[in-house]
Amino acid sequence: MTELVLATQNITKSFGSLIACDKVSIELKAREIHAIIGPNGAGKSTLISQICGTQKPDSGRVELLGQDITSKSAKDRALAGLGRTFQISQLAMEDTVLQNVMLGSLGKTGNPWKFIKPILTINELRDQAEYALERVGLIDDIHSETGTLSHGKKRQLEVAIALTLKPKVFIMDEPMAGLGIEGSKELTLLLDNLRNEAPILLVEHDMDAVFALADKISVLDYGRVIASDSVEGIKKNPIVQRAYLGEEA
């Protein structure tokens, strides 16, 4: 049986009278890409925030490899193996590509005293960073200032930073946002190759990418999961077509 890596059980989050997540239960298994889709305001970002620990659910639980992590901080969840990329870039644009990735590696150590040492002389961190950059196809840009990179390469850099955490799962919030057709194709290929390193929970509006990548799709609407199925099952689901896909399916 395929290993269950990440799960939510009936997590619920309200903001006043607005129920942003309503008893949401999802599962992510090893070597799987599970896409979360839905219209704007469906609760996708709130769900991701609860999984990653920046928001606490009102009820329900989050599990990583069978362990309840609901009460853990975002930092502790990252140290436990949640590797997150963001919808809005979190990169230090004035630093080099290598420096950005090495700072990601440093975060994994949990040892702030290493900041005392010149970061580029820490061989272990440099080796991790170079491996991650090689993995995402950015090794030739290692000394480039991050702000000079194309939007697509910045997305690749965010994946490299997540890789330095040696994650047990990737949480990716709209990685295709702002990319053109070619950039989306390149990132789709990269994510497809990453699934064997760690499974991916993918929030995405680019349906071409979702249909190309996902083993399973869950559809959120008004905070509830209205369908959870294979790509073909979602395409044929009349409820999903009315709520989100329309004629595009």
Foldseek 3Di string as FASTA:
>chain_A
DFQWFKWWAQFWAADVVATLAGGDIDTFTALFEEEEEADPSLNPVVVLCQQLAVDATPDTFMDGSRHTCRPPHNLVVLLVFEQEDDPDHPFDQQAFLQVRLLVLLVSNVVDVVCVVPDSVPPVVSSVLLCVLCVLLVNNVRRGPRNNPDDLLVSLSSSSSSSVSSLHQEYEYEASCPPPDPVSLVSVLVSLNVCSNSHYYYHYHDPVVSCLVHHQKYFYGGSNYGPDIGGSVVLVPDPVNCVRPCPPVD
